[in-house]
Amino acid sequence: MSEQQPVDVFAADELGDGDAKTIPAKAAGWSDAITVFRDGDAYYALDDTCPHEKASLGEGWLEDGEIECPLHQSRFSLKTGAVTCLPATRNARTHQVEVIDGRVWLTPGQSPVDAG
């Protein structure tokens, strides 16, 4: 996909610690819905669809910096999208997310590592 522009998706205080909010694909300007997760004071964003099966990662369980898919219990690092527990073998796609002036901004297609 082409270079994406940051999208203002919601107020940072709408998401409590351990919560997730899924942004529809059309609103995100991406081919899949993107779920934003809050873990402590950090925010992370991943494609919502699990790369193993068609399940919503936004409906999974967040614990210790990982999201567990609700379908087959695959786990993914929120920071890198890396698989941390089988049966998934493909990493989840990450996206740049940052809080600016109390708003959560999402840049679809740009990984957090690229943004550094």
PDB file of N, CA and C in Angstrom:
ATOM      1  N   MET A   1       0.832  -1.176   0.000  1.00  0.00           N
ATOM      2  CA  MET A   1       0.000   0.000   0.000  1.00  0.00           C
ATOM      3  C   MET A   1       0.878   1.241   0.000  1.00  0.00           C
ATOM      4  N   SER A   2       0.298   2.324  -0.450  1.00  0.00           N
ATOM      5  CA  SER A   2       1.047   3.569  -0.512  1.00  0.00           C
ATOM      6  C   SER A   2       1.225   4.157   0.884  1.00  0.00           C
ATOM      7  N   GLU A   3       2.089   5.149   0.979  1.00  0.00           N
ATOM      8  CA  GLU A   3       2.350   5.834   2.243  1.00  0.00           C
ATOM      9  C   GLU A   3       1.052   6.381   2.808  1.00  0.00           C
ATOM     10  N   GLN A   4       0.768   6.043   4.038  1.00  0.00           N
ATOM     11  CA  GLN A   4      -0.452   6.472   4.697  1.00  0.00           C
ATOM     12  C   GLN A   4      -0.187   7.704   5.555  1.00  0.00           C
ATOM     13  N   GLN A   5      -1.212   8.512   5.720  1.00  0.00           N
ATOM     14  CA  GLN A   5      -1.143   9.678   6.588  1.00  0.00           C
ATOM     15  C   GLN A   5      -1.698   9.304   7.961  1.00  0.00           C
ATOM     16  N   PRO A   6      -1.213   9.954   9.029  1.00  0.00           N
ATOM     17  CA  PRO A   6      -1.760   9.687  10.362  1.00  0.00           C
ATOM     18  C   PRO A   6      -3.257  10.029  10.406  1.00  0.00           C
ATOM     19  N   VAL A   7      -3.997   9.215  11.157  1.00  0.00           N
ATOM     20  CA  VAL A   7      -5.433   9.393  11.317  1.00  0.00           C
ATOM     21  C   VAL A   7      -5.731   9.574  12.799  1.00  0.00           C
ATOM     22  N   ASP A   8      -6.472  10.626  13.140  1.00  0.00           N
ATOM     23  CA  ASP A   8      -6.915  10.868  14.511  1.00  0.00           C
ATOM     24  C   ASP A   8      -8.079   9.908  14.767  1.00  0.00           C
ATOM     25  N   VAL A   9      -7.902   8.918  15.660  1.00  0.00           N
ATOM     26  CA  VAL A   9      -8.917   7.875  15.811  1.00  0.00           C
ATOM     27  C   VAL A   9      -9.800   7.993  17.050  1.00  0.00           C
ATOM     28  N   PHE A  10      -9.279   8.522  18.155  1.00  0.00           N
ATOM     29  CA  PHE A  10     -10.113   8.725  19.340  1.00  0.00           C
ATOM     30  C   PHE A  10      -9.310   9.424  20.433  1.00  0.00           C
ATOM     31  N   ALA A  11     -10.009   9.875  21.487  1.00  0.00           N
ATOM     32  CA  ALA A  11      -9.346  10.493  22.639  1.00  0.00           C
ATOM     33  C   ALA A  11      -8.644   9.409  23.444  1.00  0.00           C
ATOM     34  N   ALA A  12      -7.420   9.681  23.872  1.00  0.00           N
ATOM     35  CA  ALA A  12      -6.620   8.686  24.595  1.00  0.00           C
ATOM     36  C   ALA A  12      -7.321   8.183  25.847  1.00  0.00           C
ATOM     37  N   ASP A  13      -8.079   9.043  26.527  1.00  0.00           N
ATOM     38  CA  ASP A  13      -8.726   8.611  27.768  1.00  0.00           C
ATOM     39  C   ASP A  13      -9.962   7.734  27.534  1.00  0.00           C
ATOM     40  N   GLU A  14     -10.320   7.479  26.282  1.00  0.00           N
ATOM     41  CA  GLU A  14     -11.415   6.554  25.974  1.00  0.00           C
ATOM     42  C   GLU A  14     -11.001   5.102  26.177  1.00  0.00           C
ATOM     43  N   LEU A  15      -9.693   4.860  26.270  1.00  0.00           N
ATOM     44  CA  LEU A  15      -9.179   3.504  26.376  1.00  0.00           C
ATOM     45  C   LEU A  15      -8.488   3.317  27.723  1.00  0.00           C
ATOM     46  N   GLY A  16      -9.033   2.437  28.558  1.00  0.00           N
ATOM     47  CA  GLY A  16      -8.422   2.151  29.847  1.00  0.00           C
ATOM     48  C   GLY A  16      -7.292   1.146  29.712  1.00  0.00           C
ATOM     49  N   ASP A  17      -6.490   1.028  30.744  1.00  0.00           N
ATOM     50  CA  ASP A  17      -5.396   0.061  30.757  1.00  0.00           C
ATOM     51  C   ASP A  17      -5.952  -1.349  30.546  1.00  0.00           C
ATOM     52  N   GLY A  18      -5.387  -2.086  29.588  1.00  0.00           N
ATOM     53  CA  GLY A  18      -5.819  -3.443  29.293  1.00  0.00           C
ATOM     54  C   GLY A  18      -6.966  -3.516  28.303  1.00  0.00           C
ATOM     55  N   ASP A  19      -7.417  -2.365  27.814  1.00  0.00           N
ATOM     56  CA  ASP A  19      -8.533  -2.330  26.867  1.00  0.00           C
ATOM     57  C   ASP A  19      -8.061  -2.244  25.428  1.00  0.00           C
ATOM     58  N   ALA A  20      -9.001  -2.479  24.520  1.00  0.00           N
ATOM     59  CA  ALA A  20      -8.726  -2.416  23.081  1.00  0.00           C
ATOM     60  C   ALA A  20      -9.887  -1.733  22.387  1.00  0.00           C
ATOM     61  N   LYS A  21      -9.589  -1.078  21.276  1.00  0.00           N
ATOM     62  CA  LYS A  21     -10.623  -0.442  20.468  1.00  0.00           C
ATOM     63  C   LYS A  21     -10.307  -0.718  19.003  1.00  0.00           C
ATOM     64  N   THR A  22     -11.288  -1.262  18.290  1.00  0.00           N
ATOM     65  CA  THR A  22     -11.085  -1.613  16.885  1.00  0.00           C
ATOM     66  C   THR A  22     -11.574  -0.490  15.987  1.00  0.00           C
ATOM     67  N   ILE A  23     -10.702  -0.096  15.063  1.00  0.00           N
ATOM     68  CA  ILE A  23     -10.999   0.959  14.091  1.00  0.00           C
ATOM     69  C   ILE A  23     -11.363   0.260  12.781  1.00  0.00           C
ATOM     70  N   PRO A  24     -12.566   0.489  12.252  1.00  0.00           N
ATOM     71  CA  PRO A  24     -12.954  -0.162  10.986  1.00  0.00           C
ATOM     72  C   PRO A  24     -11.970   0.172   9.861  1.00  0.00           C
ATOM     73  N   ALA A  25     -11.817  -0.749   8.925  1.00  0.00           N
ATOM     74  CA  ALA A  25     -10.867  -0.585   7.822  1.00  0.00           C
ATOM     75  C   ALA A  25     -11.076   0.741   7.085  1.00  0.00           C
ATOM     76  N   LYS A  26     -12.311   1.078   6.796  1.00  0.00           N
ATOM     77  CA  LYS A  26     -12.590   2.321   6.051  1.00  0.00           C
ATOM     78  C   LYS A  26     -12.137   3.548   6.833  1.00  0.00           C
ATOM     79  N   ALA A  27     -12.408   3.579   8.131  1.00  0.00           N
ATOM     80  CA  ALA A  27     -12.000   4.716   8.965  1.00  0.00           C
ATOM     81  C   ALA A  27     -10.486   4.791   9.103  1.00  0.00           C
ATOM     82  N   ALA A  28      -9.826   3.627   9.124  1.00  0.00           N
ATOM     83  CA  ALA A  28      -8.369   3.592   9.249  1.00  0.00           C
ATOM     84  C   ALA A  28      -7.669   3.853   7.922  1.00  0.00           C
ATOM     85  N   GLY A  29      -8.395   3.648   6.827  1.00  0.00           N
ATOM     86  CA  GLY A  29      -7.763   3.788   5.516  1.00  0.00           C
ATOM     87  C   GLY A  29      -6.837   2.627   5.220  1.00  0.00           C
ATOM     88  N   TRP A  30      -7.222   1.431   5.670  1.00  0.00           N
ATOM     89  CA  TRP A  30      -6.376   0.248   5.560  1.00  0.00           C
ATOM     90  C   TRP A  30      -7.209  -0.912   5.041  1.00  0.00           C
ATOM     91  N   SER A  31      -6.552  -1.984   4.623  1.00  0.00           N
ATOM     92  CA  SER A  31      -7.250  -3.142   4.054  1.00  0.00           C
ATOM     93  C   SER A  31      -7.927  -4.014   5.114  1.00  0.00           C
ATOM     94  N   ASP A  32      -7.592  -3.820   6.372  1.00  0.00           N
ATOM     95  CA  ASP A  32      -8.188  -4.576   7.473  1.00  0.00           C
ATOM     96  C   ASP A  32      -8.522  -3.589   8.575  1.00  0.00           C
ATOM     97  N   ALA A  33      -9.449  -3.958   9.431  1.00  0.00           N
ATOM     98  CA  ALA A  33      -9.658  -3.170  10.641  1.00  0.00           C
ATOM     99  C   ALA A  33      -8.356  -3.224  11.441  1.00  0.00           C
ATOM    100  N   ILE A  34      -8.107  -2.198  12.224  1.00  0.00           N
ATOM    101  CA  ILE A  34      -6.915  -2.138  13.068  1.00  0.00           C
ATOM    102  C   ILE A  34      -7.376  -1.967  14.508  1.00  0.00           C
ATOM    103  N   THR A  35      -6.804  -2.772  15.395  1.00  0.00           N
ATOM    104  CA  THR A  35      -7.152  -2.646  16.807  1.00  0.00           C
ATOM    105  C   THR A  35      -6.020  -1.955  17.545  1.00  0.00           C
ATOM    106  N   VAL A  36      -6.410  -0.947  18.336  1.00  0.00           N
ATOM    107  CA  VAL A  36      -5.465  -0.223  19.186  1.00  0.00           C
ATOM    108  C   VAL A  36      -5.620  -0.790  20.597  1.00  0.00           C
ATOM    109  N   PHE A  37      -4.500  -1.160  21.201  1.00  0.00           N
ATOM    110  CA  PHE A  37      -4.471  -1.732  22.542  1.00  0.00           C
ATOM    111  C   PHE A  37      -3.754  -0.772  23.476  1.00  0.00           C
ATOM    112  N   ARG A  38      -4.209  -0.712  24.716  1.00  0.00           N
ATOM    113  CA  ARG A  38      -3.487   0.051  25.737  1.00  0.00           C
ATOM    114  C   ARG A  38      -2.987  -0.918  26.789  1.00  0.00           C
ATOM    115  N   ASP A  39      -1.677  -0.883  27.030  1.00  0.00           N
ATOM    116  CA  ASP A  39      -1.041  -1.725  28.033  1.00  0.00           C
ATOM    117  C   ASP A  39      -0.230  -0.800  28.933  1.00  0.00           C
ATOM    118  N   GLY A  40      -0.765  -0.486  30.099  1.00  0.00           N
ATOM    119  CA  GLY A  40      -0.148   0.515  30.968  1.00  0.00           C
ATOM    120  C   GLY A  40      -0.301   1.878  30.327  1.00  0.00           C
ATOM    121  N   ASP A  41       0.807   2.580  30.158  1.00  0.00           N
ATOM    122  CA  ASP A  41       0.781   3.892  29.511  1.00  0.00           C
ATOM    123  C   ASP A  41       1.091   3.808  28.023  1.00  0.00           C
ATOM    124  N   ALA A  42       1.344   2.607  27.513  1.00  0.00           N
ATOM    125  CA  ALA A  42       1.727   2.429  26.109  1.00  0.00           C
ATOM    126  C   ALA A  42       0.523   2.021  25.257  1.00  0.00           C
ATOM    127  N   TYR A  43       0.529   2.494  24.028  1.00  0.00           N
ATOM    128  CA  TYR A  43      -0.504   2.158  23.049  1.00  0.00           C
ATOM    129  C   TYR A  43       0.148   1.410  21.895  1.00  0.00           C
ATOM    130  N   TYR A  44      -0.533   0.385  21.399  1.00  0.00           N
ATOM    131  CA  TYR A  44      -0.037  -0.444  20.300  1.00  0.00           C
ATOM    132  C   TYR A  44      -1.169  -0.650  19.312  1.00  0.00           C
ATOM    133  N   ALA A  45      -0.819  -0.921  18.058  1.00  0.00           N
ATOM    134  CA  ALA A  45      -1.840  -1.174  17.040  1.00  0.00           C
ATOM    135  C   ALA A  45      -1.428  -2.360  16.177  1.00  0.00           C
ATOM    136  N   LEU A  46      -2.395  -3.258  15.941  1.00  0.00           N
ATOM    137  CA  LEU A  46      -2.185  -4.439  15.099  1.00  0.00           C
ATOM    138  C   LEU A  46      -3.383  -4.601  14.180  1.00  0.00           C
ATOM    139  N   ASP A  47      -3.150  -5.234  13.015  1.00  0.00           N
ATOM    140  CA  ASP A  47      -4.291  -5.643  12.193  1.00  0.00           C
ATOM    141  C   ASP A  47      -5.222  -6.431  13.100  1.00  0.00           C
ATOM    142  N   ASP A  48      -6.512  -6.203  12.958  1.00  0.00           N
ATOM    143  CA  ASP A  48      -7.464  -6.873  13.837  1.00  0.00           C
ATOM    144  C   ASP A  48      -7.596  -8.362  13.540  1.00  0.00           C
ATOM    145  N   THR A  49      -7.449  -8.751  12.282  1.00  0.00           N
ATOM    146  CA  THR A  49      -7.643 -10.154  11.913  1.00  0.00           C
ATOM    147  C   THR A  49      -6.403 -10.979  12.235  1.00  0.00           C
ATOM    148  N   CYS A  50      -6.594 -12.021  13.024  1.00  0.00           N
ATOM    149  CA  CYS A  50      -5.494 -12.929  13.364  1.00  0.00           C
ATOM    150  C   CYS A  50      -4.929 -13.537  12.083  1.00  0.00           C
ATOM    151  N   PRO A  51      -3.601 -13.570  11.928  1.00  0.00           N
ATOM    152  CA  PRO A  51      -3.014 -14.142  10.710  1.00  0.00           C
ATOM    153  C   PRO A  51      -3.140 -15.669  10.627  1.00  0.00           C
ATOM    154  N   HIS A  52      -3.576 -16.317  11.693  1.00  0.00           N
ATOM    155  CA  HIS A  52      -3.753 -17.772  11.683  1.00  0.00           C
ATOM    156  C   HIS A  52      -5.138 -18.148  11.169  1.00  0.00           C
ATOM    157  N   GLU A  53      -6.164 -17.560  11.730  1.00  0.00           N
ATOM    158  CA  GLU A  53      -7.548 -17.815  11.344  1.00  0.00           C
ATOM    159  C   GLU A  53      -8.299 -16.494  11.377  1.00  0.00           C
ATOM    160  N   LYS A  54      -9.474 -16.483  10.834  1.00  0.00           N
ATOM    161  CA  LYS A  54     -10.261 -15.244  10.763  1.00  0.00           C
ATOM    162  C   LYS A  54     -10.957 -14.966  12.090  1.00  0.00           C
ATOM    163  N   ALA A  55     -10.205 -14.480  13.039  1.00  0.00           N
ATOM    164  CA  ALA A  55     -10.742 -14.097  14.338  1.00  0.00           C
ATOM    165  C   ALA A  55     -10.272 -12.687  14.658  1.00  0.00           C
ATOM    166  N   SER A  56     -11.021 -11.970  15.480  1.00  0.00           N
ATOM    167  CA  SER A  56     -10.686 -10.602  15.861  1.00  0.00           C
ATOM    168  C   SER A  56      -9.732 -10.595  17.052  1.00  0.00           C
ATOM    169  N   LEU A  57      -8.537 -10.058  16.850  1.00  0.00           N
ATOM    170  CA  LEU A  57      -7.598  -9.933  17.961  1.00  0.00           C
ATOM    171  C   LEU A  57      -8.128  -8.953  19.002  1.00  0.00           C
ATOM    172  N   GLY A  58      -8.957  -8.012  18.573  1.00  0.00           N
ATOM    173  CA  GLY A  58      -9.560  -7.062  19.503  1.00  0.00           C
ATOM    174  C   GLY A  58     -10.473  -7.726  20.514  1.00  0.00           C
ATOM    175  N   GLU A  59     -10.908  -8.940  20.228  1.00  0.00           N
ATOM    176  CA  GLU A  59     -11.757  -9.692  21.155  1.00  0.00           C
ATOM    177  C   GLU A  59     -10.940 -10.655  22.013  1.00  0.00           C
ATOM    178  N   GLY A  60      -9.609 -10.566  21.870  1.00  0.00           N
ATOM    179  CA  GLY A  60      -8.722 -11.454  22.617  1.00  0.00           C
ATOM    180  C   GLY A  60      -8.424 -10.949  24.011  1.00  0.00           C
ATOM    181  N   TRP A  61      -7.441 -11.601  24.668  1.00  0.00           N
ATOM    182  CA  TRP A  61      -7.061 -11.290  26.034  1.00  0.00           C
ATOM    183  C   TRP A  61      -5.675 -10.678  26.043  1.00  0.00           C
ATOM    184  N   LEU A  62      -5.559  -9.524  26.658  1.00  0.00           N
ATOM    185  CA  LEU A  62      -4.290  -8.809  26.736  1.00  0.00           C
ATOM    186  C   LEU A  62      -3.631  -9.125  28.078  1.00  0.00           C
ATOM    187  N   GLU A  63      -2.370  -9.572  28.009  1.00  0.00           N
ATOM    188  CA  GLU A  63      -1.643  -9.890  29.238  1.00  0.00           C
ATOM    189  C   GLU A  63      -0.144  -9.861  28.963  1.00  0.00           C
ATOM    190  N   ASP A  64       0.589  -9.196  29.834  1.00  0.00           N
ATOM    191  CA  ASP A  64       2.057  -9.172  29.776  1.00  0.00           C
ATOM    192  C   ASP A  64       2.591  -8.735  28.412  1.00  0.00           C
ATOM    193  N   GLY A  65       1.997  -7.715  27.824  1.00  0.00           N
ATOM    194  CA  GLY A  65       2.495  -7.190  26.554  1.00  0.00           C
ATOM    195  C   GLY A  65       2.160  -8.035  25.346  1.00  0.00           C
ATOM    196  N   GLU A  66       1.223  -8.982  25.506  1.00  0.00           N
ATOM    197  CA  GLU A  66       0.819  -9.855  24.402  1.00  0.00           C
ATOM    198  C   GLU A  66      -0.706  -9.876  24.289  1.00  0.00           C
ATOM    199  N   ILE A  67      -1.172 -10.167  23.087  1.00  0.00           N
ATOM    200  CA  ILE A  67      -2.598 -10.379  22.860  1.00  0.00           C
ATOM    201  C   ILE A  67      -2.791 -11.842  22.476  1.00  0.00           C
ATOM    202  N   GLU A  68      -3.780 -12.470  23.106  1.00  0.00           N
ATOM    203  CA  GLU A  68      -4.094 -13.869  22.823  1.00  0.00           C
ATOM    204  C   GLU A  68      -5.353 -13.927  21.972  1.00  0.00           C
ATOM    205  N   CYS A  69      -5.264 -14.588  20.837  1.00  0.00           N
ATOM    206  CA  CYS A  69      -6.401 -14.737  19.931  1.00  0.00           C
ATOM    207  C   CYS A  69      -7.499 -15.548  20.630  1.00  0.00           C
ATOM    208  N   PRO A  70      -8.753 -15.107  20.516  1.00  0.00           N
ATOM    209  CA  PRO A  70      -9.830 -15.821  21.189  1.00  0.00           C
ATOM    210  C   PRO A  70     -10.204 -17.155  20.538  1.00  0.00           C
ATOM    211  N   LEU A  71      -9.719 -17.423  19.329  1.00  0.00           N
ATOM    212  CA  LEU A  71     -10.126 -18.634  18.623  1.00  0.00           C
ATOM    213  C   LEU A  71      -9.261 -19.849  18.951  1.00  0.00           C
ATOM    214  N   HIS A  72      -7.955 -19.732  18.750  1.00  0.00           N
ATOM    215  CA  HIS A  72      -7.064 -20.877  18.974  1.00  0.00           C
ATOM    216  C   HIS A  72      -5.935 -20.573  19.955  1.00  0.00           C
ATOM    217  N   GLN A  73      -6.016 -19.466  20.659  1.00  0.00           N
ATOM    218  CA  GLN A  73      -5.072 -19.079  21.715  1.00  0.00           C
ATOM    219  C   GLN A  73      -3.652 -18.792  21.235  1.00  0.00           C
ATOM    220  N   SER A  74      -3.481 -18.486  19.950  1.00  0.00           N
ATOM    221  CA  SER A  74      -2.177 -17.983  19.502  1.00  0.00           C
ATOM    222  C   SER A  74      -1.925 -16.668  20.231  1.00  0.00           C
ATOM    223  N   ARG A  75      -0.663 -16.366  20.472  1.00  0.00           N
ATOM    224  CA  ARG A  75      -0.318 -15.111  21.151  1.00  0.00           C
ATOM    225  C   ARG A  75       0.659 -14.323  20.285  1.00  0.00           C
ATOM    226  N   PHE A  76       0.525 -12.983  20.374  1.00  0.00           N
ATOM    227  CA  PHE A  76       1.345 -12.079  19.579  1.00  0.00           C
ATOM    228  C   PHE A  76       1.854 -10.949  20.460  1.00  0.00           C
ATOM    229  N   SER A  77       3.112 -10.565  20.238  1.00  0.00           N
ATOM    230  CA  SER A  77       3.683  -9.409  20.923  1.00  0.00           C
ATOM    231  C   SER A  77       2.977  -8.147  20.453  1.00  0.00           C
ATOM    232  N   LEU A  78       2.520  -7.318  21.384  1.00  0.00           N
ATOM    233  CA  LEU A  78       1.902  -6.050  21.002  1.00  0.00           C
ATOM    234  C   LEU A  78       2.929  -5.123  20.348  1.00  0.00           C
ATOM    235  N   LYS A  79       4.159  -5.177  20.823  1.00  0.00           N
ATOM    236  CA  LYS A  79       5.211  -4.283  20.335  1.00  0.00           C
ATOM    237  C   LYS A  79       5.669  -4.618  18.919  1.00  0.00           C
ATOM    238  N   THR A  80       5.851  -5.917  18.633  1.00  0.00           N
ATOM    239  CA  THR A  80       6.433  -6.305  17.341  1.00  0.00           C
ATOM    240  C   THR A  80       5.489  -7.099  16.441  1.00  0.00           C
ATOM    241  N   GLY A  81       4.406  -7.625  17.015  1.00  0.00           N
ATOM    242  CA  GLY A  81       3.500  -8.486  16.252  1.00  0.00           C
ATOM    243  C   GLY A  81       3.991  -9.917  16.139  1.00  0.00           C
ATOM    244  N   ALA A  82       5.164 -10.216  16.699  1.00  0.00           N
ATOM    245  CA  ALA A  82       5.754 -11.556  16.592  1.00  0.00           C
ATOM    246  C   ALA A  82       4.903 -12.601  17.299  1.00  0.00           C
ATOM    247  N   VAL A  83       4.815 -13.772  16.682  1.00  0.00           N
ATOM    248  CA  VAL A  83       4.116 -14.900  17.293  1.00  0.00           C
ATOM    249  C   VAL A  83       4.904 -15.328  18.529  1.00  0.00           C
ATOM    250  N   THR A  84       4.202 -15.473  19.653  1.00  0.00           N
ATOM    251  CA  THR A  84       4.860 -15.940  20.872  1.00  0.00           C
ATOM    252  C   THR A  84       4.288 -17.272  21.354  1.00  0.00           C
ATOM    253  N   CYS A  85       3.212 -17.737  20.711  1.00  0.00           N
ATOM    254  CA  CYS A  85       2.614 -19.031  21.068  1.00  0.00           C
ATOM    255  C   CYS A  85       1.860 -19.577  19.859  1.00  0.00           C
ATOM    256  N   LEU A  86       2.121 -20.824  19.518  1.00  0.00           N
ATOM    257  CA  LEU A  86       1.448 -21.498  18.408  1.00  0.00           C
ATOM    258  C   LEU A  86      -0.035 -21.685  18.733  1.00  0.00           C
ATOM    259  N   PRO A  87      -0.881 -21.915  17.741  1.00  0.00           N
ATOM    260  CA  PRO A  87      -0.603 -22.496  16.438  1.00  0.00           C
ATOM    261  C   PRO A  87      -0.266 -21.491  15.329  1.00  0.00           C
ATOM    262  N   ALA A  88      -0.405 -20.199  15.555  1.00  0.00           N
ATOM    263  CA  ALA A  88      -0.052 -19.240  14.502  1.00  0.00           C
ATOM    264  C   ALA A  88       1.429 -19.362  14.162  1.00  0.00           C
ATOM    265  N   THR A  89       1.748 -19.174  12.884  1.00  0.00           N
ATOM    266  CA  THR A  89       3.142 -19.199  12.448  1.00  0.00           C
ATOM    267  C   THR A  89       3.521 -17.905  11.726  1.00  0.00           C
ATOM    268  N   ARG A  90       2.527 -17.057  11.427  1.00  0.00           N
ATOM    269  CA  ARG A  90       2.792 -15.766  10.782  1.00  0.00           C
ATOM    270  C   ARG A  90       2.564 -14.649  11.790  1.00  0.00           C
ATOM    271  N   ASN A  91       3.466 -13.680  11.796  1.00  0.00           N
ATOM    272  CA  ASN A  91       3.353 -12.542  12.700  1.00  0.00           C
ATOM    273  C   ASN A  91       2.160 -11.670  12.338  1.00  0.00           C
ATOM    274  N   ALA A  92       1.662 -10.945  13.316  1.00  0.00           N
ATOM    275  CA  ALA A  92       0.599  -9.970  13.094  1.00  0.00           C
ATOM    276  C   ALA A  92       1.233  -8.667  12.608  1.00  0.00           C
ATOM    277  N   ARG A  93       0.526  -7.938  11.768  1.00  0.00           N
ATOM    278  CA  ARG A  93       1.022  -6.661  11.244  1.00  0.00           C
ATOM    279  C   ARG A  93       0.844  -5.566  12.287  1.00  0.00           C
ATOM    280  N   THR A  94       1.922  -4.838  12.585  1.00  0.00           N
ATOM    281  CA  THR A  94       1.860  -3.722  13.526  1.00  0.00           C
ATOM    282  C   THR A  94       1.744  -2.404  12.769  1.00  0.00           C
ATOM    283  N   HIS A  95       1.274  -1.384  13.465  1.00  0.00           N
ATOM    284  CA  HIS A  95       1.112  -0.051  12.894  1.00  0.00           C
ATOM    285  C   HIS A  95       1.567   0.978  13.922  1.00  0.00           C
ATOM    286  N   GLN A  96       2.060   2.089  13.427  1.00  0.00           N
ATOM    287  CA  GLN A  96       2.498   3.183  14.305  1.00  0.00           C
ATOM    288  C   GLN A  96       1.280   3.813  14.974  1.00  0.00           C
ATOM    289  N   VAL A  97       1.358   3.995  16.285  1.00  0.00           N
ATOM    290  CA  VAL A  97       0.311   4.679  17.041  1.00  0.00           C
ATOM    291  C   VAL A  97       1.002   5.562  18.069  1.00  0.00           C
ATOM    292  N   GLU A  98       0.499   6.774  18.231  1.00  0.00           N
ATOM    293  CA  GLU A  98       1.077   7.672  19.218  1.00  0.00           C
ATOM    294  C   GLU A  98      -0.005   8.591  19.775  1.00  0.00           C
ATOM    295  N   VAL A  99       0.241   9.065  20.971  1.00  0.00           N
ATOM    296  CA  VAL A  99      -0.687   9.981  21.618  1.00  0.00           C
ATOM    297  C   VAL A  99      -0.108  11.382  21.501  1.00  0.00           C
ATOM    298  N   ILE A 100      -0.898  12.281  20.922  1.00  0.00           N
ATOM    299  CA  ILE A 100      -0.488  13.678  20.750  1.00  0.00           C
ATOM    300  C   ILE A 100      -1.628  14.550  21.261  1.00  0.00           C
ATOM    301  N   ASP A 101      -1.323  15.396  22.236  1.00  0.00           N
ATOM    302  CA  ASP A 101      -2.315  16.303  22.819  1.00  0.00           C
ATOM    303  C   ASP A 101      -3.596  15.587  23.229  1.00  0.00           C
ATOM    304  N   GLY A 102      -3.439  14.418  23.851  1.00  0.00           N
ATOM    305  CA  GLY A 102      -4.580  13.677  24.365  1.00  0.00           C
ATOM    306  C   GLY A 102      -5.389  12.916  23.330  1.00  0.00           C
ATOM    307  N   ARG A 103      -4.906  12.866  22.089  1.00  0.00           N
ATOM    308  CA  ARG A 103      -5.586  12.132  21.016  1.00  0.00           C
ATOM    309  C   ARG A 103      -4.695  10.996  20.541  1.00  0.00           C
ATOM    310  N   VAL A 104      -5.324   9.888  20.155  1.00  0.00           N
ATOM    311  CA  VAL A 104      -4.590   8.749  19.614  1.00  0.00           C
ATOM    312  C   VAL A 104      -4.548   8.885  18.099  1.00  0.00           C
ATOM    313  N   TRP A 105      -3.326   8.906  17.558  1.00  0.00           N
ATOM    314  CA  TRP A 105      -3.095   9.014  16.118  1.00  0.00           C
ATOM    315  C   TRP A 105      -2.525   7.698  15.615  1.00  0.00           C
ATOM    316  N   LEU A 106      -3.110   7.182  14.559  1.00  0.00           N
ATOM    317  CA  LEU A 106      -2.725   5.916  13.967  1.00  0.00           C
ATOM    318  C   LEU A 106      -2.185   6.158  12.560  1.00  0.00           C
ATOM    319  N   THR A 107      -1.033   5.561  12.250  1.00  0.00           N
ATOM    320  CA  THR A 107      -0.494   5.638  10.897  1.00  0.00           C
ATOM    321  C   THR A 107      -0.490   4.229  10.322  1.00  0.00           C
ATOM    322  N   PRO A 108      -1.559   3.870   9.593  1.00  0.00           N
ATOM    323  CA  PRO A 108      -1.651   2.529   9.037  1.00  0.00           C
ATOM    324  C   PRO A 108      -0.498   2.222   8.073  1.00  0.00           C
ATOM    325  N   GLY A 109       0.034   1.023   8.186  1.00  0.00           N
ATOM    326  CA  GLY A 109       1.087   0.585   7.281  1.00  0.00           C
ATOM    327  C   GLY A 109       2.478   0.977   7.686  1.00  0.00           C
ATOM    328  N   GLN A 110       2.621   1.870   8.647  1.00  0.00           N
ATOM    329  CA  GLN A 110       3.948   2.240   9.121  1.00  0.00           C
ATOM    330  C   GLN A 110       4.207   1.518  10.426  1.00  0.00           C
ATOM    331  N   SER A 111       5.207   0.662  10.443  1.00  0.00           N
ATOM    332  CA  SER A 111       5.493  -0.068  11.673  1.00  0.00           C
ATOM    333  C   SER A 111       6.136   0.875  12.681  1.00  0.00           C
ATOM    334  N   PRO A 112       5.974   0.601  13.964  1.00  0.00           N
ATOM    335  CA  PRO A 112       6.590   1.446  14.988  1.00  0.00           C
ATOM    336  C   PRO A 112       8.102   1.547  14.827  1.00  0.00           C
ATOM    337  N   VAL A 113       8.747   0.499  14.339  1.00  0.00           N
ATOM    338  CA  VAL A 113      10.200   0.496  14.145  1.00  0.00           C
ATOM    339  C   VAL A 113      10.572   1.500  13.045  1.00  0.00           C
ATOM    340  N   ASP A 114       9.774   1.574  11.976  1.00  0.00           N
ATOM    341  CA  ASP A 114      10.040   2.505  10.883  1.00  0.00           C
ATOM    342  C   ASP A 114       9.927   3.958  11.314  1.00  0.00           C
ATOM    343  N   ALA A 115       9.068   4.206  12.307  1.00  0.00           N
ATOM    344  CA  ALA A 115       8.779   5.575  12.711  1.00  0.00           C
ATOM    345  C   ALA A 115       9.901   6.200  13.529  1.00  0.00           C
ATOM    346  N   GLY A 116      10.751   5.344  14.135  1.00  0.00           N
ATOM    347  CA  GLY A 116      11.767   5.800  15.051  1.00  0.00           C
ATOM    348  C   GLY A 116      12.636   6.835  14.518  1.00  0.00           C
TER     349      GLY A 116
END
